[in-house]
mmCIF file of all heavy atoms, coordinates in Angstrom:
data_MODEL
# 
_entry.id   MODEL 
# 
loop_
_atom_site.group_PDB 
_atom_site.id 
_atom_site.type_symbol 
_atom_site.label_atom_id 
_atom_site.label_alt_id 
_atom_site.label_comp_id 
_atom_site.label_asym_id 
_atom_site.label_entity_id 
_atom_site.label_seq_id 
_atom_site.pdbx_PDB_ins_code 
_atom_site.Cartn_x 
_atom_site.Cartn_y 
_atom_site.Cartn_z 
_atom_site.occupancy 
_atom_site.B_iso_or_equiv 
_atom_site.pdbx_formal_charge 
_atom_site.auth_seq_id 
_atom_site.auth_comp_id 
_atom_site.auth_asym_id 
_atom_site.auth_atom_id 
_atom_site.pdbx_PDB_model_num 
ATOM 1   N N   . GLY A 1 1  ? 69.630 94.511  87.370  1.00 0.00 ? 1  GLY A N   1 
ATOM 2   C CA  . GLY A 1 1  ? 70.327 93.251  87.126  1.00 0.00 ? 1  GLY A CA  1 
ATOM 3   C C   . GLY A 1 1  ? 71.605 93.139  87.939  1.00 0.00 ? 1  GLY A C   1 
ATOM 4   O O   . GLY A 1 1  ? 71.913 92.074  88.504  1.00 0.00 ? 1  GLY A O   1 
ATOM 5   N N   . ASN A 1 2  ? 72.341 94.242  88.006  1.00 0.00 ? 2  ASN A N   1 
ATOM 6   C CA  . ASN A 1 2  ? 73.581 94.245  88.784  1.00 0.00 ? 2  ASN A CA  1 
ATOM 7   C C   . ASN A 1 2  ? 73.293 94.001  90.261  1.00 0.00 ? 2  ASN A C   1 
ATOM 8   O O   . ASN A 1 2  ? 73.969 93.196  90.922  1.00 0.00 ? 2  ASN A O   1 
ATOM 9   C CB  . ASN A 1 2  ? 74.298 95.580  88.589  1.00 0.00 ? 2  ASN A CB  1 
ATOM 10  C CG  . ASN A 1 2  ? 75.701 95.577  89.163  1.00 0.00 ? 2  ASN A CG  1 
ATOM 11  O OD1 . ASN A 1 2  ? 76.442 94.613  89.023  1.00 0.00 ? 2  ASN A OD1 1 
ATOM 12  N ND2 . ASN A 1 2  ? 76.073 96.662  89.806  1.00 0.00 ? 2  ASN A ND2 1 
ATOM 13  N N   . LEU A 1 3  ? 72.277 94.668  90.795  1.00 0.00 ? 3  LEU A N   1 
ATOM 14  C CA  . LEU A 1 3  ? 71.923 94.499  92.205  1.00 0.00 ? 3  LEU A CA  1 
ATOM 15  C C   . LEU A 1 3  ? 71.481 93.074  92.510  1.00 0.00 ? 3  LEU A C   1 
ATOM 16  O O   . LEU A 1 3  ? 71.827 92.514  93.556  1.00 0.00 ? 3  LEU A O   1 
ATOM 17  C CB  . LEU A 1 3  ? 70.808 95.474  92.587  1.00 0.00 ? 3  LEU A CB  1 
ATOM 18  C CG  . LEU A 1 3  ? 71.209 96.941  92.750  1.00 0.00 ? 3  LEU A CG  1 
ATOM 19  C CD1 . LEU A 1 3  ? 69.977 97.826  92.847  1.00 0.00 ? 3  LEU A CD1 1 
ATOM 20  C CD2 . LEU A 1 3  ? 72.096 97.122  93.983  1.00 0.00 ? 3  LEU A CD2 1 
ATOM 21  N N   . MET A 1 4  ? 70.730 92.471  91.587  1.00 0.00 ? 4  MET A N   1 
ATOM 22  C CA  . MET A 1 4  ? 70.268 91.103  91.814  1.00 0.00 ? 4  MET A CA  1 
ATOM 23  C C   . MET A 1 4  ? 71.435 90.121  91.878  1.00 0.00 ? 4  MET A C   1 
ATOM 24  O O   . MET A 1 4  ? 71.444 89.197  92.699  1.00 0.00 ? 4  MET A O   1 
ATOM 25  C CB  . MET A 1 4  ? 69.294 90.705  90.707  1.00 0.00 ? 4  MET A CB  1 
ATOM 26  C CG  . MET A 1 4  ? 67.951 91.416  90.798  1.00 0.00 ? 4  MET A CG  1 
ATOM 27  S SD  . MET A 1 4  ? 66.949 91.156  89.318  1.00 0.00 ? 4  MET A SD  1 
ATOM 28  C CE  . MET A 1 4  ? 66.724 89.372  89.383  1.00 0.00 ? 4  MET A CE  1 
ATOM 29  N N   . THR A 1 5  ? 72.426 90.333  91.030  1.00 0.00 ? 5  THR A N   1 
ATOM 30  C CA  . THR A 1 5  ? 73.607 89.466  91.052  1.00 0.00 ? 5  THR A CA  1 
ATOM 31  C C   . THR A 1 5  ? 74.390 89.657  92.334  1.00 0.00 ? 5  THR A C   1 
ATOM 32  O O   . THR A 1 5  ? 74.822 88.684  92.974  1.00 0.00 ? 5  THR A O   1 
ATOM 33  C CB  . THR A 1 5  ? 74.502 89.738  89.839  1.00 0.00 ? 5  THR A CB  1 
ATOM 34  O OG1 . THR A 1 5  ? 73.770 89.469  88.649  1.00 0.00 ? 5  THR A OG1 1 
ATOM 35  C CG2 . THR A 1 5  ? 75.748 88.860  89.862  1.00 0.00 ? 5  THR A CG2 1 
ATOM 36  N N   . VAL A 1 6  ? 74.573 90.905  92.740  1.00 0.00 ? 6  VAL A N   1 
ATOM 37  C CA  . VAL A 1 6  ? 75.283 91.184  93.989  1.00 0.00 ? 6  VAL A CA  1 
ATOM 38  C C   . VAL A 1 6  ? 74.527 90.595  95.174  1.00 0.00 ? 6  VAL A C   1 
ATOM 39  O O   . VAL A 1 6  ? 75.136 90.029  96.093  1.00 0.00 ? 6  VAL A O   1 
ATOM 40  C CB  . VAL A 1 6  ? 75.502 92.702  94.161  1.00 0.00 ? 6  VAL A CB  1 
ATOM 41  C CG1 . VAL A 1 6  ? 76.042 93.020  95.554  1.00 0.00 ? 6  VAL A CG1 1 
ATOM 42  C CG2 . VAL A 1 6  ? 76.453 93.220  93.091  1.00 0.00 ? 6  VAL A CG2 1 
ATOM 43  N N   . CYS A 1 7  ? 73.210 90.709  95.164  1.00 0.00 ? 7  CYS A N   1 
ATOM 44  C CA  . CYS A 1 7  ? 72.411 90.100  96.236  1.00 0.00 ? 7  CYS A CA  1 
ATOM 45  C C   . CYS A 1 7  ? 72.671 88.594  96.326  1.00 0.00 ? 7  CYS A C   1 
ATOM 46  O O   . CYS A 1 7  ? 72.848 88.050  97.421  1.00 0.00 ? 7  CYS A O   1 
ATOM 47  C CB  . CYS A 1 7  ? 70.929 90.352  95.995  1.00 0.00 ? 7  CYS A CB  1 
ATOM 48  S SG  . CYS A 1 7  ? 70.357 92.003  96.449  1.00 0.00 ? 7  CYS A SG  1 
ATOM 49  N N   . ALA A 1 8  ? 72.701 87.932  95.182  1.00 0.00 ? 8  ALA A N   1 
ATOM 50  C CA  . ALA A 1 8  ? 72.953 86.485  95.173  1.00 0.00 ? 8  ALA A CA  1 
ATOM 51  C C   . ALA A 1 8  ? 74.316 86.166  95.772  1.00 0.00 ? 8  ALA A C   1 
ATOM 52  O O   . ALA A 1 8  ? 74.459 85.249  96.590  1.00 0.00 ? 8  ALA A O   1 
ATOM 53  C CB  . ALA A 1 8  ? 72.853 85.946  93.750  1.00 0.00 ? 8  ALA A CB  1 
ATOM 54  N N   . ILE A 1 9  ? 75.320 86.929  95.390  1.00 0.00 ? 9  ILE A N   1 
ATOM 55  C CA  . ILE A 1 9  ? 76.680 86.714  95.901  1.00 0.00 ? 9  ILE A CA  1 
ATOM 56  C C   . ILE A 1 9  ? 76.732 86.926  97.410  1.00 0.00 ? 9  ILE A C   1 
ATOM 57  O O   . ILE A 1 9  ? 77.431 86.211  98.133  1.00 0.00 ? 9  ILE A O   1 
ATOM 58  C CB  . ILE A 1 9  ? 77.670 87.652  95.188  1.00 0.00 ? 9  ILE A CB  1 
ATOM 59  C CG1 . ILE A 1 9  ? 77.799 87.255  93.709  1.00 0.00 ? 9  ILE A CG1 1 
ATOM 60  C CG2 . ILE A 1 9  ? 79.053 87.609  95.856  1.00 0.00 ? 9  ILE A CG2 1 
ATOM 61  C CD1 . ILE A 1 9  ? 78.548 88.266  92.873  1.00 0.00 ? 9  ILE A CD1 1 
ATOM 62  N N   . GLU A 1 10 ? 75.960 87.908  97.884  1.00 0.00 ? 10 GLU A N   1 
ATOM 63  C CA  . GLU A 1 10 ? 75.981 88.276  99.305  1.00 0.00 ? 10 GLU A CA  1 
ATOM 64  C C   . GLU A 1 10 ? 74.955 87.508  100.141 1.00 0.00 ? 10 GLU A C   1 
ATOM 65  O O   . GLU A 1 10 ? 74.744 87.826  101.313 1.00 0.00 ? 10 GLU A O   1 
ATOM 66  C CB  . GLU A 1 10 ? 75.719 89.781  99.442  1.00 0.00 ? 10 GLU A CB  1 
ATOM 67  C CG  . GLU A 1 10 ? 76.831 90.663  98.927  1.00 0.00 ? 10 GLU A CG  1 
ATOM 68  C CD  . GLU A 1 10 ? 78.076 90.589  99.796  1.00 0.00 ? 10 GLU A CD  1 
ATOM 69  O OE1 . GLU A 1 10 ? 77.932 90.595  101.042 1.00 0.00 ? 10 GLU A OE1 1 
ATOM 70  O OE2 . GLU A 1 10 ? 79.190 90.511  99.242  1.00 0.00 ? 10 GLU A OE2 1 
ATOM 71  N N   . ASP A 1 11 ? 74.291 86.502  99.545  1.00 0.00 ? 11 ASP A N   1 
ATOM 72  C CA  . ASP A 1 11 ? 73.262 85.726  100.244 1.00 0.00 ? 11 ASP A CA  1 
ATOM 73  C C   . ASP A 1 11 ? 72.109 86.606  100.731 1.00 0.00 ? 11 ASP A C   1 
ATOM 74  O O   . ASP A 1 11 ? 71.550 86.397  101.818 1.00 0.00 ? 11 ASP A O   1 
ATOM 75  C CB  . ASP A 1 11 ? 73.854 84.952  101.425 1.00 0.00 ? 11 ASP A CB  1 
ATOM 76  C CG  . ASP A 1 11 ? 74.861 83.904  100.983 1.00 0.00 ? 11 ASP A CG  1 
ATOM 77  O OD1 . ASP A 1 11 ? 74.640 83.266  99.941  1.00 0.00 ? 11 ASP A OD1 1 
ATOM 78  O OD2 . ASP A 1 11 ? 75.891 83.740  101.674 1.00 0.00 ? 11 ASP A OD2 1 
ATOM 79  N N   . ILE A 1 12 ? 71.759 87.573  99.908  1.00 0.00 ? 12 ILE A N   1 
ATOM 80  C CA  . ILE A 1 12 ? 70.618 88.440  100.186 1.00 0.00 ? 12 ILE A CA  1 
ATOM 81  C C   . ILE A 1 12 ? 69.487 88.033  99.251  1.00 0.00 ? 12 ILE A C   1 
ATOM 82  O O   . ILE A 1 12 ? 69.687 87.893  98.048  1.00 0.00 ? 12 ILE A O   1 
ATOM 83  C CB  . ILE A 1 12 ? 70.967 89.922  99.950  1.00 0.00 ? 12 ILE A CB  1 
ATOM 84  C CG1 . ILE A 1 12 ? 72.088 90.378  100.894 1.00 0.00 ? 12 ILE A CG1 1 
ATOM 85  C CG2 . ILE A 1 12 ? 69.736 90.804  100.127 1.00 0.00 ? 12 ILE A CG2 1 
ATOM 86  C CD1 . ILE A 1 12 ? 72.648 91.756  100.549 1.00 0.00 ? 12 ILE A CD1 1 
ATOM 87  N N   . ASP A 1 13 ? 68.315 87.830  99.800  1.00 0.00 ? 13 ASP A N   1 
ATOM 88  C CA  . ASP A 1 13 ? 67.165 87.497  98.961  1.00 0.00 ? 13 ASP A CA  1 
ATOM 89  C C   . ASP A 1 13 ? 66.532 88.768  98.418  1.00 0.00 ? 13 ASP A C   1 
ATOM 90  O O   . ASP A 1 13 ? 66.563 89.828  99.063  1.00 0.00 ? 13 ASP A O   1 
ATOM 91  C CB  . ASP A 1 13 ? 66.144 86.683  99.762  1.00 0.00 ? 13 ASP A CB  1 
ATOM 92  C CG  . ASP A 1 13 ? 66.622 85.261  99.997  1.00 0.00 ? 13 ASP A CG  1 
ATOM 93  O OD1 . ASP A 1 13 ? 66.806 84.542  99.009  1.00 0.00 ? 13 ASP A OD1 1 
ATOM 94  O OD2 . ASP A 1 13 ? 66.820 84.892  101.169 1.00 0.00 ? 13 ASP A OD2 1 
ATOM 95  N N   . ALA A 1 14 ? 65.947 88.659  97.231  1.00 0.00 ? 14 ALA A N   1 
ATOM 96  C CA  . ALA A 1 14 ? 65.385 89.839  96.569  1.00 0.00 ? 14 ALA A CA  1 
ATOM 97  C C   . ALA A 1 14 ? 64.246 89.425  95.647  1.00 0.00 ? 14 ALA A C   1 
ATOM 98  O O   . ALA A 1 14 ? 64.143 88.263  95.259  1.00 0.00 ? 14 ALA A O   1 
ATOM 99  C CB  . ALA A 1 14 ? 66.474 90.554  95.769  1.00 0.00 ? 14 ALA A CB  1 
ATOM 100 N N   . CYS A 1 15 ? 63.419 90.396  95.300  1.00 0.00 ? 15 CYS A N   1 
ATOM 101 C CA  . CYS A 1 15 ? 62.313 90.138  94.384  1.00 0.00 ? 15 CYS A CA  1 
ATOM 102 C C   . CYS A 1 15 ? 62.144 91.330  93.450  1.00 0.00 ? 15 CYS A C   1 
ATOM 103 O O   . CYS A 1 15 ? 61.557 92.350  93.838  1.00 0.00 ? 15 CYS A O   1 
ATOM 104 C CB  . CYS A 1 15 ? 61.020 89.890  95.151  1.00 0.00 ? 15 CYS A CB  1 
ATOM 105 S SG  . CYS A 1 15 ? 59.625 89.480  94.066  1.00 0.00 ? 15 CYS A SG  1 
ATOM 106 N N   . PRO A 1 16 ? 62.664 91.244  92.223  1.00 0.00 ? 16 PRO A N   1 
ATOM 107 C CA  . PRO A 1 16 ? 62.510 92.352  91.279  1.00 0.00 ? 16 PRO A CA  1 
ATOM 108 C C   . PRO A 1 16 ? 61.045 92.554  90.921  1.00 0.00 ? 16 PRO A C   1 
ATOM 109 O O   . PRO A 1 16 ? 60.322 91.602  90.670  1.00 0.00 ? 16 PRO A O   1 
ATOM 110 C CB  . PRO A 1 16 ? 63.321 91.893  90.061  1.00 0.00 ? 16 PRO A CB  1 
ATOM 111 C CG  . PRO A 1 16 ? 63.315 90.396  90.150  1.00 0.00 ? 16 PRO A CG  1 
ATOM 112 C CD  . PRO A 1 16 ? 63.330 90.081  91.612  1.00 0.00 ? 16 PRO A CD  1 
ATOM 113 N N   . MET A 1 17 ? 60.599 93.811  90.907  1.00 0.00 ? 17 MET A N   1 
ATOM 114 C CA  . MET A 1 17 ? 59.188 94.086  90.695  1.00 0.00 ? 17 MET A CA  1 
ATOM 115 C C   . MET A 1 17 ? 58.977 95.272  89.762  1.00 0.00 ? 17 MET A C   1 
ATOM 116 O O   . MET A 1 17 ? 59.560 96.335  89.957  1.00 0.00 ? 17 MET A O   1 
ATOM 117 C CB  . MET A 1 17 ? 58.492 94.360  92.042  1.00 0.00 ? 17 MET A CB  1 
ATOM 118 C CG  . MET A 1 17 ? 58.434 93.162  92.961  1.00 0.00 ? 17 MET A CG  1 
ATOM 119 S SD  . MET A 1 17 ? 57.907 93.588  94.660  1.00 0.00 ? 17 MET A SD  1 
ATOM 120 C CE  . MET A 1 17 ? 56.346 94.384  94.353  1.00 0.00 ? 17 MET A CE  1 
ATOM 121 N N   . GLU A 1 18 ? 58.138 95.054  88.757  1.00 0.00 ? 18 GLU A N   1 
ATOM 122 C CA  . GLU A 1 18 ? 57.629 96.133  87.912  1.00 0.00 ? 18 GLU A CA  1 
ATOM 123 C C   . GLU A 1 18 ? 56.168 96.430  88.253  1.00 0.00 ? 18 GLU A C   1 
ATOM 124 O O   . GLU A 1 18 ? 55.643 97.472  87.858  1.00 0.00 ? 18 GLU A O   1 
ATOM 125 C CB  . GLU A 1 18 ? 57.708 95.744  86.436  1.00 0.00 ? 18 GLU A CB  1 
ATOM 126 C CG  . GLU A 1 18 ? 59.102 95.573  85.875  1.00 0.00 ? 18 GLU A CG  1 
ATOM 127 C CD  . GLU A 1 18 ? 59.067 95.144  84.422  1.00 0.00 ? 18 GLU A CD  1 
ATOM 128 O OE1 . GLU A 1 18 ? 58.543 94.039  84.150  1.00 0.00 ? 18 GLU A OE1 1 
ATOM 129 O OE2 . GLU A 1 18 ? 59.540 95.915  83.572  1.00 0.00 ? 18 GLU A OE2 1 
ATOM 130 N N   . GLY A 1 19 ? 55.536 95.522  88.979  1.00 0.00 ? 19 GLY A N   1 
ATOM 131 C CA  . GLY A 1 19 ? 54.107 95.620  89.255  1.00 0.00 ? 19 GLY A CA  1 
ATOM 132 C C   . GLY A 1 19 ? 53.775 96.585  90.378  1.00 0.00 ? 19 GLY A C   1 
ATOM 133 O O   . GLY A 1 19 ? 53.594 96.180  91.534  1.00 0.00 ? 19 GLY A O   1 
ATOM 134 N N   . PHE A 1 20 ? 53.713 97.863  90.039  1.00 0.00 ? 20 PHE A N   1 
ATOM 135 C CA  . PHE A 1 20 ? 53.315 98.874  91.011  1.00 0.00 ? 20 PHE A CA  1 
ATOM 136 C C   . PHE A 1 20 ? 52.852 100.108 90.250  1.00 0.00 ? 20 PHE A C   1 
ATOM 137 O O   . PHE A 1 20 ? 53.049 100.219 89.032  1.00 0.00 ? 20 PHE A O   1 
ATOM 138 C CB  . PHE A 1 20 ? 54.464 99.210  91.977  1.00 0.00 ? 20 PHE A CB  1 
ATOM 139 C CG  . PHE A 1 20 ? 55.608 99.979  91.353  1.00 0.00 ? 20 PHE A CG  1 
ATOM 140 C CD1 . PHE A 1 20 ? 55.756 101.338 91.597  1.00 0.00 ? 20 PHE A CD1 1 
ATOM 141 C CD2 . PHE A 1 20 ? 56.528 99.351  90.529  1.00 0.00 ? 20 PHE A CD2 1 
ATOM 142 C CE1 . PHE A 1 20 ? 56.814 102.048 91.034  1.00 0.00 ? 20 PHE A CE1 1 
ATOM 143 C CE2 . PHE A 1 20 ? 57.588 100.057 89.959  1.00 0.00 ? 20 PHE A CE2 1 
ATOM 144 C CZ  . PHE A 1 20 ? 57.726 101.410 90.217  1.00 0.00 ? 20 PHE A CZ  1 
ATOM 145 N N   . ASP A 1 21 ? 52.225 101.038 90.955  1.00 0.00 ? 21 ASP A N   1 
ATOM 146 C CA  . ASP A 1 21 ? 51.721 102.263 90.350  1.00 0.00 ? 21 ASP A CA  1 
ATOM 147 C C   . ASP A 1 21 ? 52.740 103.381 90.576  1.00 0.00 ? 21 ASP A C   1 
ATOM 148 O O   . ASP A 1 21 ? 52.784 103.972 91.665  1.00 0.00 ? 21 ASP A O   1 
ATOM 149 C CB  . ASP A 1 21 ? 50.382 102.637 90.980  1.00 0.00 ? 21 ASP A CB  1 
ATOM 150 C CG  . ASP A 1 21 ? 49.724 103.840 90.324  1.00 0.00 ? 21 ASP A CG  1 
ATOM 151 O OD1 . ASP A 1 21 ? 50.438 104.626 89.665  1.00 0.00 ? 21 ASP A OD1 1 
ATOM 152 O OD2 . ASP A 1 21 ? 48.506 104.015 90.472  1.00 0.00 ? 21 ASP A OD2 1 
ATOM 153 N N   . PRO A 1 22 ? 53.572 103.669 89.586  1.00 0.00 ? 22 PRO A N   1 
ATOM 154 C CA  . PRO A 1 22 ? 54.624 104.677 89.769  1.00 0.00 ? 22 PRO A CA  1 
ATOM 155 C C   . PRO A 1 22 ? 54.101 106.046 90.192  1.00 0.00 ? 22 PRO A C   1 
ATOM 156 O O   . PRO A 1 22 ? 54.733 106.726 91.013  1.00 0.00 ? 22 PRO A O   1 
ATOM 157 C CB  . PRO A 1 22 ? 55.290 104.749 88.392  1.00 0.00 ? 22 PRO A CB  1 
ATOM 158 C CG  . PRO A 1 22 ? 55.017 103.423 87.769  1.00 0.00 ? 22 PRO A CG  1 
ATOM 159 C CD  . PRO A 1 22 ? 53.641 103.060 88.250  1.00 0.00 ? 22 PRO A CD  1 
ATOM 160 N N   . SER A 1 23 ? 52.948 106.449 89.657  1.00 0.00 ? 23 SER A N   1 
ATOM 161 C CA  . SER A 1 23 ? 52.428 107.777 90.000  1.00 0.00 ? 23 SER A CA  1 
ATOM 162 C C   . SER A 1 23 ? 52.102 107.876 91.486  1.00 0.00 ? 23 SER A C   1 
ATOM 163 O O   . SER A 1 23 ? 52.341 108.916 92.121  1.00 0.00 ? 23 SER A O   1 
ATOM 164 C CB  . SER A 1 23 ? 51.191 108.097 89.156  1.00 0.00 ? 23 SER A CB  1 
ATOM 165 O OG  . SER A 1 23 ? 50.135 107.197 89.427  1.00 0.00 ? 23 SER A OG  1 
ATOM 166 N N   . LYS A 1 24 ? 51.558 106.796 92.065  1.00 0.00 ? 24 LYS A N   1 
ATOM 167 C CA  . LYS A 1 24 ? 51.244 106.787 93.493  1.00 0.00 ? 24 LYS A CA  1 
ATOM 168 C C   . LYS A 1 24 ? 52.522 106.758 94.333  1.00 0.00 ? 24 LYS A C   1 
ATOM 169 O O   . LYS A 1 24 ? 52.610 107.413 95.381  1.00 0.00 ? 24 LYS A O   1 
ATOM 170 C CB  . LYS A 1 24 ? 50.351 105.596 93.836  1.00 0.00 ? 24 LYS A CB  1 
ATOM 171 C CG  . LYS A 1 24 ? 48.925 105.721 93.324  1.00 0.00 ? 24 LYS A CG  1 
ATOM 172 C CD  . LYS A 1 24 ? 48.206 106.884 93.992  1.00 0.00 ? 24 LYS A CD  1 
ATOM 173 C CE  . LYS A 1 24 ? 46.741 106.928 93.568  1.00 0.00 ? 24 LYS A CE  1 
ATOM 174 N NZ  . LYS A 1 24 ? 46.042 108.086 94.204  1.00 0.00 ? 24 LYS A NZ  1 
ATOM 175 N N   . TYR A 1 25 ? 53.495 105.970 93.892  1.00 0.00 ? 25 TYR A N   1 
ATOM 176 C CA  . TYR A 1 25 ? 54.789 105.957 94.592  1.00 0.00 ? 25 TYR A CA  1 
ATOM 177 C C   . TYR A 1 25 ? 55.413 107.344 94.583  1.00 0.00 ? 25 TYR A C   1 
ATOM 178 O O   . TYR A 1 25 ? 55.906 107.837 95.608  1.00 0.00 ? 25 TYR A O   1 
ATOM 179 C CB  . TYR A 1 25 ? 55.736 104.955 93.917  1.00 0.00 ? 25 TYR A CB  1 
ATOM 180 C CG  . TYR A 1 25 ? 55.745 103.587 94.550  1.00 0.00 ? 25 TYR A CG  1 
ATOM 181 C CD1 . TYR A 1 25 ? 54.622 102.770 94.494  1.00 0.00 ? 25 TYR A CD1 1 
ATOM 182 C CD2 . TYR A 1 25 ? 56.873 103.096 95.194  1.00 0.00 ? 25 TYR A CD2 1 
ATOM 183 C CE1 . TYR A 1 25 ? 54.624 101.503 95.064  1.00 0.00 ? 25 TYR A CE1 1 
ATOM 184 C CE2 . TYR A 1 25 ? 56.893 101.832 95.761  1.00 0.00 ? 25 TYR A CE2 1 
ATOM 185 C CZ  . TYR A 1 25 ? 55.764 101.037 95.699  1.00 0.00 ? 25 TYR A CZ  1 
ATOM 186 O OH  . TYR A 1 25 ? 55.774 99.789  96.264  1.00 0.00 ? 25 TYR A OH  1 
ATOM 187 N N   . ASP A 1 26 ? 55.383 107.983 93.401  1.00 0.00 ? 26 ASP A N   1 
ATOM 188 C CA  . ASP A 1 26 ? 55.973 109.315 93.278  1.00 0.00 ? 26 ASP A CA  1 
ATOM 189 C C   . ASP A 1 26 ? 55.292 110.301 94.225  1.00 0.00 ? 26 ASP A C   1 
ATOM 190 O O   . ASP A 1 26 ? 55.955 111.159 94.822  1.00 0.00 ? 26 ASP A O   1 
ATOM 191 C CB  . ASP A 1 26 ? 55.863 109.813 91.839  1.00 0.00 ? 26 ASP A CB  1 
ATOM 192 C CG  . ASP A 1 26 ? 56.658 108.966 90.858  1.00 0.00 ? 26 ASP A CG  1 
ATOM 193 O OD1 . ASP A 1 26 ? 57.409 108.075 91.307  1.00 0.00 ? 26 ASP A OD1 1 
ATOM 194 O OD2 . ASP A 1 26 ? 56.532 109.193 89.645  1.00 0.00 ? 26 ASP A OD2 1 
# 
C-alpha cells in the first residue's frame, strides 16, 4: 500500500498482483 501511494505521487504506474504461483517464483 505504501509503495502504491508513493508510485502515484511520483507518477509511476503500477499493478498490485496476488495472482501468481509463489512456489514457482521461489
